[in-house]
Amino acid sequence: MNVKDFDYELPQELIAQDPIEDRSSSRLMILDKETGVIRHDIFHNIVNELRPGDCLVINDTKVIPARLFGTKVGTEAKIEILLLKRKENDVWEVLVKPGKKAKIGTEIVFGDGRLKGTIIDIVEEGNRLIQFSYEGIFEEILDELGQMPLPPYITHQLKDKNRYQTVYAKHEGSAAAPTAGLHFTKELLQKIEEMGVTIAHVTLHVGLGTFRPVKVENVQEHHMHSEFYIVEESEANKINAAKKAGNRVIAVGTTSCRTLESATGEDGIIKACSGWTEIFIYPGYHFKMIDALITNFHLPQSTLLMLVSALAGREHILAAYEEAVKEKYRFFSFGDAMMII
């Protein structure tokens, strides 16, 4: 399976640079995974695609303002870091730009010295481990000094950083938003619950590995980065109950999908658990839990495009993307949505 099998042409102007004013007014493409039939709608009409008894699974991770700008002690050189994952207490794995200036022992100050960091190790793919020191509460300092880590294809400044959070974001730890969830408002979620749909929460802290390009020709040789997930017992019970009753489990986003598939055994039962997942879903994968998926439109040759192709078939997905380009859908993080049923 070649990475070029998952390519498509995308005009630059279709990459959404800003969130639309009303979250739930984005467009919605509905794709039948069996037939490939496509319908077009508005996101808030997703209630028409849901049925009483369905279980909608959302990822309640919260994006941290993970991008920090500092200066190297001694040279005053500018250094940008991106927090990827907390290893222990005040030690984080980070991406550093420019990497050449961040040798082991390098000291960096942020925000007039409110936060200081020392590079203590170089790990896989050139990422660094940094040990922070500060006075006060780290999360409060980060909230003050950090910026939202928008993907590189978004060049506009984000006016309201809450627009890169879902309305149900709760547990801090992501370096990127689970963007399929950005379309939901509290009112829409309430309406969905009132019609008899169960909403279950899982947590997967999104790392940048999800968005890293596939650099190998042979898809099977690609190695996914690990991401931390949690499934609580109460939520596992909701999901299992829906499945047992013959109702659909619908993942909101590829992150919810990956969590569900990581925590579900071959017996089709999801267990309460937490841990790190490196699950890589591409065509040929047998889904153990999800029946349908709400997602955004993904980058060419990306692991996320491979995941949706595993669910709906590569030909159906590429035909749907061709239709989305023709109909001028908005793509990627702040773009429109697709529901695969």
C-alpha atoms as a PDB file:
ATOM      1  CA  MET A   1       0.000   0.000   0.000  1.00  0.00           C
ATOM      2  CA  ASN A   2       1.710   3.168  -1.241  1.00  0.00           C
ATOM      3  CA  VAL A   3       1.378   6.553   0.465  1.00  0.00           C
ATOM      4  CA  LYS A   4       0.607   8.092  -2.958  1.00  0.00           C
ATOM      5  CA  ASP A   5      -2.614   6.043  -3.015  1.00  0.00           C
ATOM      6  CA  PHE A   6      -3.930   8.591  -0.488  1.00  0.00           C
ATOM      7  CA  ASP A   7      -3.188  11.758  -2.423  1.00  0.00           C
ATOM      8  CA  TYR A   8      -5.622  14.318  -3.798  1.00  0.00           C
ATOM      9  CA  GLU A   9      -5.484  17.819  -5.278  1.00  0.00           C
ATOM     10  CA  LEU A  10      -6.497  20.617  -2.900  1.00  0.00           C
ATOM     11  CA  PRO A  11      -6.576  24.295  -3.904  1.00  0.00           C
ATOM     12  CA  GLN A  12      -4.912  26.430  -1.196  1.00  0.00           C
ATOM     13  CA  GLU A  13      -7.926  28.722  -0.902  1.00  0.00           C
ATOM     14  CA  LEU A  14     -10.056  25.858   0.466  1.00  0.00           C
ATOM     15  CA  ILE A  15      -7.894  25.559   3.615  1.00  0.00           C
ATOM     16  CA  ALA A  16     -10.005  27.252   6.320  1.00  0.00           C
ATOM     17  CA  GLN A  17      -7.973  29.972   8.038  1.00  0.00           C
ATOM     18  CA  ASP A  18     -10.576  31.103  10.576  1.00  0.00           C
ATOM     19  CA  PRO A  19     -13.418  29.435  12.485  1.00  0.00           C
ATOM     20  CA  ILE A  20     -16.894  30.412  11.287  1.00  0.00           C
ATOM     21  CA  GLU A  21     -18.966  32.525  13.665  1.00  0.00           C
ATOM     22  CA  ASP A  22     -21.512  29.855  14.618  1.00  0.00           C
ATOM     23  CA  ARG A  23     -19.782  26.542  15.304  1.00  0.00           C
ATOM     24  CA  SER A  24     -22.746  24.418  14.248  1.00  0.00           C
ATOM     25  CA  SER A  25     -23.371  26.220  10.929  1.00  0.00           C
ATOM     26  CA  SER A  26     -20.496  24.606   9.071  1.00  0.00           C
ATOM     27  CA  ARG A  27     -21.369  22.340   6.172  1.00  0.00           C
ATOM     28  CA  LEU A  28     -21.834  18.614   6.653  1.00  0.00           C
ATOM     29  CA  MET A  29     -21.198  15.949   4.051  1.00  0.00           C
ATOM     30  CA  ILE A  30     -22.879  12.617   4.796  1.00  0.00           C
ATOM     31  CA  LEU A  31     -21.166   9.604   3.209  1.00  0.00           C
ATOM     32  CA  ASP A  32     -22.706   6.137   3.126  1.00  0.00           C
ATOM     33  CA  LYS A  33     -19.719   3.841   3.648  1.00  0.00           C
ATOM     34  CA  GLU A  34     -21.400   0.873   1.922  1.00  0.00           C
ATOM     35  CA  THR A  35     -22.670   2.576  -1.231  1.00  0.00           C
ATOM     36  CA  GLY A  36     -20.511   5.708  -1.495  1.00  0.00           C
ATOM     37  CA  VAL A  37     -23.676   7.840  -1.852  1.00  0.00           C
ATOM     38  CA  ILE A  38     -23.074  11.449  -0.743  1.00  0.00           C
ATOM     39  CA  ARG A  39     -25.545  13.981   0.697  1.00  0.00           C
ATOM     40  CA  HIS A  40     -24.961  17.615   1.666  1.00  0.00           C
ATOM     41  CA  ASP A  41     -26.356  19.384   4.740  1.00  0.00           C
ATOM     42  CA  ILE A  42     -25.584  21.841   7.560  1.00  0.00           C
ATOM     43  CA  PHE A  43     -23.930  20.542  10.727  1.00  0.00           C
ATOM     44  CA  HIS A  44     -26.733  21.382  13.174  1.00  0.00           C
ATOM     45  CA  ASN A  45     -29.005  19.084  11.133  1.00  0.00           C
ATOM     46  CA  ILE A  46     -26.858  16.168  12.305  1.00  0.00           C
ATOM     47  CA  VAL A  47     -29.776  15.406  14.647  1.00  0.00           C
ATOM     48  CA  ASN A  48     -31.534  13.994  11.551  1.00  0.00           C
ATOM     49  CA  GLU A  49     -28.711  11.441  11.156  1.00  0.00           C
ATOM     50  CA  LEU A  50     -28.854  10.288  14.784  1.00  0.00           C
ATOM     51  CA  ARG A  51     -31.261   7.778  16.316  1.00  0.00           C
ATOM     52  CA  PRO A  52     -32.487   7.225  19.891  1.00  0.00           C
ATOM     53  CA  GLY A  53     -30.198   4.650  21.503  1.00  0.00           C
ATOM     54  CA  ASP A  54     -27.103   5.726  19.552  1.00  0.00           C
ATOM     55  CA  CYS A  55     -24.003   6.402  21.646  1.00  0.00           C
ATOM     56  CA  LEU A  56     -22.031   9.491  20.625  1.00  0.00           C
ATOM     57  CA  VAL A  57     -18.446   9.329  21.937  1.00  0.00           C
ATOM     58  CA  ILE A  58     -16.611  12.628  22.433  1.00  0.00           C
ATOM     59  CA  ASN A  59     -12.988  13.349  23.376  1.00  0.00           C
ATOM     60  CA  ASP A  60     -12.950  15.812  26.284  1.00  0.00           C
ATOM     61  CA  THR A  61      -9.241  16.639  26.154  1.00  0.00           C
ATOM     62  CA  LYS A  62      -8.297  20.310  26.474  1.00  0.00           C
ATOM     63  CA  VAL A  63      -5.623  22.002  24.380  1.00  0.00           C
ATOM     64  CA  ILE A  64      -2.913  23.723  26.384  1.00  0.00           C
ATOM     65  CA  PRO A  65      -1.350  26.969  25.072  1.00  0.00           C
ATOM     66  CA  ALA A  66       1.687  24.880  24.224  1.00  0.00           C
ATOM     67  CA  ARG A  67       3.714  27.292  22.060  1.00  0.00           C
ATOM     68  CA  LEU A  68       6.272  29.333  24.007  1.00  0.00           C
ATOM     69  CA  PHE A  69       8.728  31.965  22.761  1.00  0.00           C
ATOM     70  CA  GLY A  70      11.920  32.504  24.751  1.00  0.00           C
ATOM     71  CA  THR A  71      15.516  33.641  24.561  1.00  0.00           C
ATOM     72  CA  LYS A  72      18.687  31.613  25.031  1.00  0.00           C
ATOM     73  CA  VAL A  73      20.633  32.679  28.093  1.00  0.00           C
ATOM     74  CA  GLY A  74      24.016  34.161  27.130  1.00  0.00           C
ATOM     75  CA  THR A  75      23.295  34.878  23.464  1.00  0.00           C
ATOM     76  CA  GLU A  76      19.767  36.353  23.505  1.00  0.00           C
ATOM     77  CA  ALA A  77      18.973  34.164  20.467  1.00  0.00           C
ATOM     78  CA  LYS A  78      15.222  33.647  19.955  1.00  0.00           C
ATOM     79  CA  ILE A  79      13.968  30.110  20.570  1.00  0.00           C
ATOM     80  CA  GLU A  80      10.466  28.714  20.046  1.00  0.00           C
ATOM     81  CA  ILE A  81       9.334  25.558  21.825  1.00  0.00           C
ATOM     82  CA  LEU A  82       6.213  23.459  21.531  1.00  0.00           C
ATOM     83  CA  LEU A  83       5.187  21.333  24.502  1.00  0.00           C
ATOM     84  CA  LEU A  84       4.378  17.786  23.343  1.00  0.00           C
ATOM     85  CA  LYS A  85       3.967  15.728  26.495  1.00  0.00           C
ATOM     86  CA  ARG A  86       4.689  15.948  30.181  1.00  0.00           C
ATOM     87  CA  LYS A  87       7.151  13.220  31.152  1.00  0.00           C
ATOM     88  CA  GLU A  88       7.209  13.875  34.899  1.00  0.00           C
ATOM     89  CA  ASN A  89       6.423  16.899  37.065  1.00  0.00           C
ATOM     90  CA  ASP A  90       8.306  19.741  35.379  1.00  0.00           C
ATOM     91  CA  VAL A  91      10.055  17.736  32.640  1.00  0.00           C
ATOM     92  CA  TRP A  92       8.425  17.972  29.190  1.00  0.00           C
ATOM     93  CA  GLU A  93       9.199  16.553  25.775  1.00  0.00           C
ATOM     94  CA  VAL A  94       9.248  19.480  23.343  1.00  0.00           C
ATOM     95  CA  LEU A  95       9.890  20.452  19.745  1.00  0.00           C
ATOM     96  CA  VAL A  96      12.478  23.232  19.480  1.00  0.00           C
ATOM     97  CA  LYS A  97      13.055  25.759  16.685  1.00  0.00           C
ATOM     98  CA  PRO A  98      15.843  26.255  15.738  1.00  0.00           C
ATOM     99  CA  GLY A  99      17.070  22.919  17.065  1.00  0.00           C
ATOM    100  CA  LYS A 100      20.768  23.735  16.520  1.00  0.00           C
ATOM    101  CA  LYS A 101      20.624  26.293  19.318  1.00  0.00           C
ATOM    102  CA  ALA A 102      19.204  23.828  21.851  1.00  0.00           C
ATOM    103  CA  LYS A 103      22.077  21.592  22.872  1.00  0.00           C
ATOM    104  CA  ILE A 104      22.031  19.750  26.215  1.00  0.00           C
ATOM    105  CA  GLY A 105      22.623  22.292  28.979  1.00  0.00           C
ATOM    106  CA  THR A 106      21.089  25.206  27.054  1.00  0.00           C
ATOM    107  CA  GLU A 107      19.128  27.548  29.318  1.00  0.00           C
ATOM    108  CA  ILE A 108      16.092  29.416  27.985  1.00  0.00           C
ATOM    109  CA  VAL A 109      14.040  32.157  29.667  1.00  0.00           C
ATOM    110  CA  PHE A 110      10.409  32.950  28.867  1.00  0.00           C
ATOM    111  CA  GLY A 111       8.340  36.010  29.766  1.00  0.00           C
ATOM    112  CA  ASP A 112      11.045  38.127  31.471  1.00  0.00           C
ATOM    113  CA  GLY A 113      12.151  35.158  33.553  1.00  0.00           C
ATOM    114  CA  ARG A 114       8.731  34.100  34.858  1.00  0.00           C
ATOM    115  CA  LEU A 115       9.575  30.687  33.441  1.00  0.00           C
ATOM    116  CA  LYS A 116      13.011  29.153  32.900  1.00  0.00           C
ATOM    117  CA  GLY A 117      13.959  25.947  31.149  1.00  0.00           C
ATOM    118  CA  THR A 118      17.081  23.802  30.762  1.00  0.00           C
ATOM    119  CA  ILE A 119      17.528  21.270  27.959  1.00  0.00           C
ATOM    120  CA  ILE A 120      18.452  18.006  29.707  1.00  0.00           C
ATOM    121  CA  ASP A 121      18.308  15.448  26.888  1.00  0.00           C
ATOM    122  CA  ILE A 122      17.804  14.890  23.150  1.00  0.00           C
ATOM    123  CA  VAL A 123      15.334  12.095  22.327  1.00  0.00           C
ATOM    124  CA  GLU A 124      13.810  10.504  19.193  1.00  0.00           C
ATOM    125  CA  GLU A 125      13.473  12.619  16.046  1.00  0.00           C
ATOM    126  CA  GLY A 126      15.493  15.409  17.644  1.00  0.00           C
ATOM    127  CA  ASN A 127      12.856  16.308  20.230  1.00  0.00           C
ATOM    128  CA  ARG A 128      14.246  17.719  23.490  1.00  0.00           C
ATOM    129  CA  LEU A 129      13.524  17.109  27.146  1.00  0.00           C
ATOM    130  CA  ILE A 130      13.315  20.390  29.047  1.00  0.00           C
ATOM    131  CA  GLN A 131      13.278  20.873  32.807  1.00  0.00           C
ATOM    132  CA  PHE A 132      11.261  23.931  33.827  1.00  0.00           C
ATOM    133  CA  SER A 133      11.695  26.042  36.957  1.00  0.00           C
ATOM    134  CA  TYR A 134       9.329  28.787  38.129  1.00  0.00           C
ATOM    135  CA  GLU A 135       7.528  30.239  41.101  1.00  0.00           C
ATOM    136  CA  GLY A 136       3.778  29.756  41.332  1.00  0.00           C
ATOM    137  CA  ILE A 137       1.499  27.439  39.359  1.00  0.00           C
ATOM    138  CA  PHE A 138       2.811  26.138  36.023  1.00  0.00           C
ATOM    139  CA  GLU A 139      -0.620  26.051  34.330  1.00  0.00           C
ATOM    140  CA  GLU A 140      -1.300  29.694  35.239  1.00  0.00           C
ATOM    141  CA  ILE A 141       2.097  30.820  33.922  1.00  0.00           C
ATOM    142  CA  LEU A 142       1.567  28.800  30.729  1.00  0.00           C
ATOM    143  CA  ASP A 143      -1.876  30.337  30.245  1.00  0.00           C
ATOM    144  CA  GLU A 144      -0.298  33.765  30.486  1.00  0.00           C
ATOM    145  CA  LEU A 145       2.787  33.196  28.320  1.00  0.00           C
ATOM    146  CA  GLY A 146       1.776  30.437  25.905  1.00  0.00           C
ATOM    147  CA  GLN A 147      -0.008  30.614  22.572  1.00  0.00           C
ATOM    148  CA  MET A 148      -2.384  28.076  21.020  1.00  0.00           C
ATOM    149  CA  PRO A 149      -0.414  25.616  18.862  1.00  0.00           C
ATOM    150  CA  LEU A 150      -2.295  26.090  15.594  1.00  0.00           C
ATOM    151  CA  PRO A 151      -1.247  23.782  12.730  1.00  0.00           C
ATOM    152  CA  PRO A 152       1.281  25.260  10.248  1.00  0.00           C
ATOM    153  CA  TYR A 153      -1.304  25.479   7.450  1.00  0.00           C
ATOM    154  CA  ILE A 154      -3.240  28.085   9.500  1.00  0.00           C
ATOM    155  CA  THR A 155      -1.448  31.397   8.962  1.00  0.00           C
ATOM    156  CA  HIS A 156      -4.051  33.754  10.480  1.00  0.00           C
ATOM    157  CA  GLN A 157      -3.833  34.845  14.103  1.00  0.00           C
ATOM    158  CA  LEU A 158      -6.589  33.304  16.252  1.00  0.00           C
ATOM    159  CA  LYS A 159      -8.573  36.124  17.890  1.00  0.00           C
ATOM    160  CA  ASP A 160     -10.304  33.986  20.533  1.00  0.00           C
ATOM    161  CA  LYS A 161      -8.321  30.996  21.781  1.00  0.00           C
ATOM    162  CA  ASN A 162     -11.517  29.298  22.969  1.00  0.00           C
ATOM    163  CA  ARG A 163     -12.388  28.724  19.320  1.00  0.00           C
ATOM    164  CA  TYR A 164      -9.599  26.113  19.220  1.00  0.00           C
ATOM    165  CA  GLN A 165     -11.277  24.261  22.109  1.00  0.00           C
ATOM    166  CA  THR A 166     -14.389  22.099  22.065  1.00  0.00           C
ATOM    167  CA  VAL A 167     -17.238  23.355  24.292  1.00  0.00           C
ATOM    168  CA  TYR A 168     -16.788  20.196  26.392  1.00  0.00           C
ATOM    169  CA  ALA A 169     -12.976  20.411  26.780  1.00  0.00           C
ATOM    170  CA  LYS A 170     -12.096  19.388  30.336  1.00  0.00           C
ATOM    171  CA  HIS A 171      -8.776  17.567  30.869  1.00  0.00           C
ATOM    172  CA  GLU A 172      -5.695  19.600  29.914  1.00  0.00           C
ATOM    173  CA  GLY A 173      -2.962  17.873  27.935  1.00  0.00           C
ATOM    174  CA  SER A 174      -3.342  18.203  24.136  1.00  0.00           C
ATOM    175  CA  ALA A 175      -0.926  19.837  21.707  1.00  0.00           C
ATOM    176  CA  ALA A 176      -3.752  20.048  19.134  1.00  0.00           C
ATOM    177  CA  ALA A 177      -7.546  20.157  19.227  1.00  0.00           C
ATOM    178  CA  PRO A 178      -9.771  17.156  18.426  1.00  0.00           C
ATOM    179  CA  THR A 179     -11.219  19.271  15.635  1.00  0.00           C
ATOM    180  CA  ALA A 180     -14.338  17.243  14.722  1.00  0.00           C
ATOM    181  CA  GLY A 181     -15.727  18.301  18.096  1.00  0.00           C
ATOM    182  CA  LEU A 182     -15.361  22.016  17.292  1.00  0.00           C
ATOM    183  CA  HIS A 183     -18.690  21.924  15.417  1.00  0.00           C
ATOM    184  CA  PHE A 184     -20.777  21.156  18.507  1.00  0.00           C
ATOM    185  CA  THR A 185     -22.446  23.821  20.653  1.00  0.00           C
ATOM    186  CA  LYS A 186     -23.802  23.166  24.148  1.00  0.00           C
ATOM    187  CA  GLU A 187     -27.324  23.700  22.779  1.00  0.00           C
ATOM    188  CA  LEU A 188     -26.821  21.129  20.020  1.00  0.00           C
ATOM    189  CA  LEU A 189     -25.447  18.557  22.484  1.00  0.00           C
ATOM    190  CA  GLN A 190     -28.448  19.138  24.761  1.00  0.00           C
ATOM    191  CA  LYS A 191     -30.808  18.634  21.819  1.00  0.00           C
ATOM    192  CA  ILE A 192     -29.003  15.383  20.935  1.00  0.00           C
ATOM    193  CA  GLU A 193     -29.322  14.081  24.510  1.00  0.00           C
ATOM    194  CA  GLU A 194     -32.992  15.040  24.663  1.00  0.00           C
ATOM    195  CA  MET A 195     -33.711  12.889  21.600  1.00  0.00           C
ATOM    196  CA  GLY A 196     -32.421   9.808  23.442  1.00  0.00           C
ATOM    197  CA  VAL A 197     -28.819   9.658  22.275  1.00  0.00           C
ATOM    198  CA  THR A 198     -26.270   8.717  24.964  1.00  0.00           C
ATOM    199  CA  ILE A 199     -23.144  10.894  25.115  1.00  0.00           C
ATOM    200  CA  ALA A 200     -20.033   9.147  26.434  1.00  0.00           C
ATOM    201  CA  HIS A 201     -16.751  10.907  27.232  1.00  0.00           C
ATOM    202  CA  VAL A 202     -13.269   9.521  26.638  1.00  0.00           C
ATOM    203  CA  THR A 203      -9.958  11.371  26.849  1.00  0.00           C
ATOM    204  CA  LEU A 204      -7.071  11.188  24.395  1.00  0.00           C
ATOM    205  CA  HIS A 205      -4.380  13.860  24.614  1.00  0.00           C
ATOM    206  CA  VAL A 206      -3.639  14.690  20.998  1.00  0.00           C
ATOM    207  CA  GLY A 207       0.059  14.785  20.117  1.00  0.00           C
ATOM    208  CA  LEU A 208       1.567  16.177  16.955  1.00  0.00           C
ATOM    209  CA  GLY A 209       2.356  12.654  15.735  1.00  0.00           C
ATOM    210  CA  THR A 210      -1.226  12.441  14.483  1.00  0.00           C
ATOM    211  CA  PHE A 211      -0.491  15.236  12.012  1.00  0.00           C
ATOM    212  CA  ARG A 212       3.079  14.335  11.071  1.00  0.00           C
ATOM    213  CA  PRO A 213       3.492  13.531   7.385  1.00  0.00           C
ATOM    214  CA  VAL A 214       4.028   9.919   6.389  1.00  0.00           C
ATOM    215  CA  LYS A 215       7.640   9.880   5.202  1.00  0.00           C
ATOM    216  CA  VAL A 216       7.816   6.262   4.031  1.00  0.00           C
ATOM    217  CA  GLU A 217       6.512   5.030   0.672  1.00  0.00           C
ATOM    218  CA  ASN A 218       5.081   1.838   2.125  1.00  0.00           C
ATOM    219  CA  VAL A 219       2.239   2.789   4.484  1.00  0.00           C
ATOM    220  CA  GLN A 220       2.761  -0.283   6.701  1.00  0.00           C
ATOM    221  CA  GLU A 221       6.270   0.936   7.598  1.00  0.00           C
ATOM    222  CA  HIS A 222       5.015   4.178   9.167  1.00  0.00           C
ATOM    223  CA  HIS A 223       5.410   4.385  12.947  1.00  0.00           C
ATOM    224  CA  MET A 224       2.740   6.282  14.914  1.00  0.00           C
ATOM    225  CA  HIS A 225       3.716   8.348  17.936  1.00  0.00           C
ATOM    226  CA  SER A 226       2.156   7.354  21.237  1.00  0.00           C
ATOM    227  CA  GLU A 227      -0.692   9.323  22.800  1.00  0.00           C
ATOM    228  CA  PHE A 228      -2.140   8.965  26.302  1.00  0.00           C
ATOM    229  CA  TYR A 229      -5.807   7.986  26.687  1.00  0.00           C
ATOM    230  CA  ILE A 230      -8.283   7.307  29.492  1.00  0.00           C
ATOM    231  CA  VAL A 231     -11.622   5.452  29.446  1.00  0.00           C
ATOM    232  CA  GLU A 232     -13.547   5.676  32.733  1.00  0.00           C
ATOM    233  CA  GLU A 233     -15.728   2.766  33.882  1.00  0.00           C
ATOM    234  CA  SER A 234     -18.976   4.793  33.756  1.00  0.00           C
ATOM    235  CA  GLU A 235     -18.295   5.719  30.115  1.00  0.00           C
ATOM    236  CA  ALA A 236     -17.263   2.184  29.118  1.00  0.00           C
ATOM    237  CA  ASN A 237     -20.580   0.972  30.573  1.00  0.00           C
ATOM    238  CA  LYS A 238     -22.551   3.457  28.425  1.00  0.00           C
ATOM    239  CA  ILE A 239     -20.721   2.372  25.270  1.00  0.00           C
ATOM    240  CA  ASN A 240     -21.076  -1.355  25.977  1.00  0.00           C
ATOM    241  CA  ALA A 241     -24.784  -0.934  26.794  1.00  0.00           C
ATOM    242  CA  ALA A 242     -25.437   0.748  23.427  1.00  0.00           C
ATOM    243  CA  LYS A 243     -23.520  -1.959  21.581  1.00  0.00           C
ATOM    244  CA  LYS A 244     -25.279  -4.776  23.456  1.00  0.00           C
ATOM    245  CA  ALA A 245     -28.674  -3.276  22.585  1.00  0.00           C
ATOM    246  CA  GLY A 246     -27.743  -3.296  18.892  1.00  0.00           C
ATOM    247  CA  ASN A 247     -27.393   0.482  18.679  1.00  0.00           C
ATOM    248  CA  ARG A 248     -24.643   2.405  16.922  1.00  0.00           C
ATOM    249  CA  VAL A 249     -21.450   3.705  18.509  1.00  0.00           C
ATOM    250  CA  ILE A 250     -20.529   6.947  16.734  1.00  0.00           C
ATOM    251  CA  ALA A 251     -17.065   8.410  17.300  1.00  0.00           C
ATOM    252  CA  VAL A 252     -16.702  12.186  17.189  1.00  0.00           C
ATOM    253  CA  GLY A 253     -13.300  12.551  15.566  1.00  0.00           C
ATOM    254  CA  THR A 254     -10.412  10.269  14.725  1.00  0.00           C
ATOM    255  CA  THR A 255      -9.052  10.686  18.290  1.00  0.00           C
ATOM    256  CA  SER A 256     -12.239   9.234  19.833  1.00  0.00           C
ATOM    257  CA  CYS A 257     -12.114   6.488  17.211  1.00  0.00           C
ATOM    258  CA  ARG A 258      -8.512   5.603  18.051  1.00  0.00           C
ATOM    259  CA  THR A 259      -9.310   5.579  21.774  1.00  0.00           C
ATOM    260  CA  LEU A 260     -12.295   3.271  21.307  1.00  0.00           C
ATOM    261  CA  GLU A 261     -10.398   0.897  19.061  1.00  0.00           C
ATOM    262  CA  SER A 262      -7.401   0.853  21.451  1.00  0.00           C
ATOM    263  CA  ALA A 263      -9.508   0.060  24.538  1.00  0.00           C
ATOM    264  CA  THR A 264     -11.801  -2.542  22.925  1.00  0.00           C
ATOM    265  CA  GLY A 265     -10.892  -6.218  23.050  1.00  0.00           C
ATOM    266  CA  GLU A 266     -11.337  -8.756  20.266  1.00  0.00           C
ATOM    267  CA  ASP A 267     -14.602  -9.693  22.009  1.00  0.00           C
ATOM    268  CA  GLY A 268     -16.024  -6.264  21.065  1.00  0.00           C
ATOM    269  CA  ILE A 269     -16.204  -5.105  24.685  1.00  0.00           C
ATOM    270  CA  ILE A 270     -14.538  -1.868  25.788  1.00  0.00           C
ATOM    271  CA  LYS A 271     -12.801  -1.908  29.146  1.00  0.00           C
ATOM    272  CA  ALA A 272     -12.155   0.940  31.574  1.00  0.00           C
ATOM    273  CA  CYS A 273      -8.425   1.579  31.212  1.00  0.00           C
ATOM    274  CA  SER A 274      -5.716   4.144  30.585  1.00  0.00           C
ATOM    275  CA  GLY A 275      -2.403   3.977  28.798  1.00  0.00           C
ATOM    276  CA  TRP A 276      -0.475   4.934  25.688  1.00  0.00           C
ATOM    277  CA  THR A 277      -1.674   4.018  22.225  1.00  0.00           C
ATOM    278  CA  GLU A 278       0.241   3.836  18.954  1.00  0.00           C
ATOM    279  CA  ILE A 279      -2.680   2.357  17.020  1.00  0.00           C
ATOM    280  CA  PHE A 280      -2.404   2.966  13.274  1.00  0.00           C
ATOM    281  CA  ILE A 281      -5.627   2.389  11.371  1.00  0.00           C
ATOM    282  CA  TYR A 282      -5.417   2.011   7.590  1.00  0.00           C
ATOM    283  CA  PRO A 283      -7.355   0.010   4.961  1.00  0.00           C
ATOM    284  CA  GLY A 284      -7.642  -3.637   5.924  1.00  0.00           C
ATOM    285  CA  TYR A 285      -8.226  -2.806   9.583  1.00  0.00           C
ATOM    286  CA  HIS A 286     -11.199  -4.547  11.208  1.00  0.00           C
ATOM    287  CA  PHE A 287     -13.150  -2.102  13.411  1.00  0.00           C
ATOM    288  CA  LYS A 288     -14.058  -3.635  16.774  1.00  0.00           C
ATOM    289  CA  MET A 289     -16.261  -0.876  18.177  1.00  0.00           C
ATOM    290  CA  ILE A 290     -17.252   2.063  15.998  1.00  0.00           C
ATOM    291  CA  ASP A 291     -20.122   2.003  13.526  1.00  0.00           C
ATOM    292  CA  ALA A 292     -20.009   5.604  12.306  1.00  0.00           C
ATOM    293  CA  LEU A 293     -17.644   8.579  12.469  1.00  0.00           C
ATOM    294  CA  ILE A 294     -17.975  12.364  12.516  1.00  0.00           C
ATOM    295  CA  THR A 295     -14.776  13.944  11.252  1.00  0.00           C
ATOM    296  CA  ASN A 296     -13.229  16.847   9.347  1.00  0.00           C
ATOM    297  CA  PHE A 297     -11.492  16.757   5.965  1.00  0.00           C
ATOM    298  CA  HIS A 298      -7.881  15.625   6.310  1.00  0.00           C
ATOM    299  CA  LEU A 299      -4.535  16.369   4.686  1.00  0.00           C
ATOM    300  CA  PRO A 300      -3.413  14.455   1.584  1.00  0.00           C
ATOM    301  CA  GLN A 301      -1.243  11.397   2.354  1.00  0.00           C
ATOM    302  CA  SER A 302      -2.000  11.689   6.100  1.00  0.00           C
ATOM    303  CA  THR A 303      -2.635   8.882   8.611  1.00  0.00           C
ATOM    304  CA  LEU A 304      -6.065  10.432   9.255  1.00  0.00           C
ATOM    305  CA  LEU A 305      -7.024  10.099   5.601  1.00  0.00           C
ATOM    306  CA  MET A 306      -5.934   6.462   5.844  1.00  0.00           C
ATOM    307  CA  LEU A 307      -8.117   5.965   8.927  1.00  0.00           C
ATOM    308  CA  VAL A 308     -11.288   7.237   7.214  1.00  0.00           C
ATOM    309  CA  SER A 309     -10.364   5.154   4.153  1.00  0.00           C
ATOM    310  CA  ALA A 310     -10.246   2.084   6.402  1.00  0.00           C
ATOM    311  CA  LEU A 311     -13.820   2.805   7.474  1.00  0.00           C
ATOM    312  CA  ALA A 312     -15.435   3.822   4.174  1.00  0.00           C
ATOM    313  CA  GLY A 313     -13.057   2.452   1.526  1.00  0.00           C
ATOM    314  CA  ARG A 314     -10.345   4.434  -0.255  1.00  0.00           C
ATOM    315  CA  GLU A 315     -12.332   4.864  -3.472  1.00  0.00           C
ATOM    316  CA  HIS A 316     -15.398   6.205  -1.639  1.00  0.00           C
ATOM    317  CA  ILE A 317     -13.267   8.618   0.402  1.00  0.00           C
ATOM    318  CA  LEU A 318     -11.305   9.966  -2.567  1.00  0.00           C
ATOM    319  CA  ALA A 319     -14.549  10.408  -4.537  1.00  0.00           C
ATOM    320  CA  ALA A 320     -16.067  12.264  -1.557  1.00  0.00           C
ATOM    321  CA  TYR A 321     -13.002  14.518  -1.293  1.00  0.00           C
ATOM    322  CA  GLU A 322     -13.182  15.243  -5.017  1.00  0.00           C
ATOM    323  CA  GLU A 323     -16.824  16.228  -4.533  1.00  0.00           C
ATOM    324  CA  ALA A 324     -15.889  18.378  -1.514  1.00  0.00           C
ATOM    325  CA  VAL A 325     -13.304  20.263  -3.591  1.00  0.00           C
ATOM    326  CA  LYS A 326     -15.809  20.731  -6.411  1.00  0.00           C
ATOM    327  CA  GLU A 327     -18.445  22.020  -3.949  1.00  0.00           C
ATOM    328  CA  LYS A 328     -15.854  24.270  -2.277  1.00  0.00           C
ATOM    329  CA  TYR A 329     -16.048  22.766   1.198  1.00  0.00           C
ATOM    330  CA  ARG A 330     -13.659  24.265   3.771  1.00  0.00           C
ATOM    331  CA  PHE A 331     -10.819  21.901   4.722  1.00  0.00           C
ATOM    332  CA  PHE A 332      -8.837  20.918   7.827  1.00  0.00           C
ATOM    333  CA  SER A 333      -9.027  22.132  11.448  1.00  0.00           C
ATOM    334  CA  PHE A 334     -11.443  25.069  11.074  1.00  0.00           C
ATOM    335  CA  GLY A 335     -13.175  23.520   8.072  1.00  0.00           C
ATOM    336  CA  ASP A 336     -16.405  21.654   7.390  1.00  0.00           C
ATOM    337  CA  ALA A 337     -17.428  18.221   8.623  1.00  0.00           C
ATOM    338  CA  MET A 338     -18.122  14.777   7.221  1.00  0.00           C
ATOM    339  CA  MET A 339     -20.233  12.027   8.762  1.00  0.00           C
ATOM    340  CA  ILE A 340     -19.473   8.491   7.625  1.00  0.00           C
ATOM    341  CA  ILE A 341     -22.492   6.269   8.288  1.00  0.00           C
END
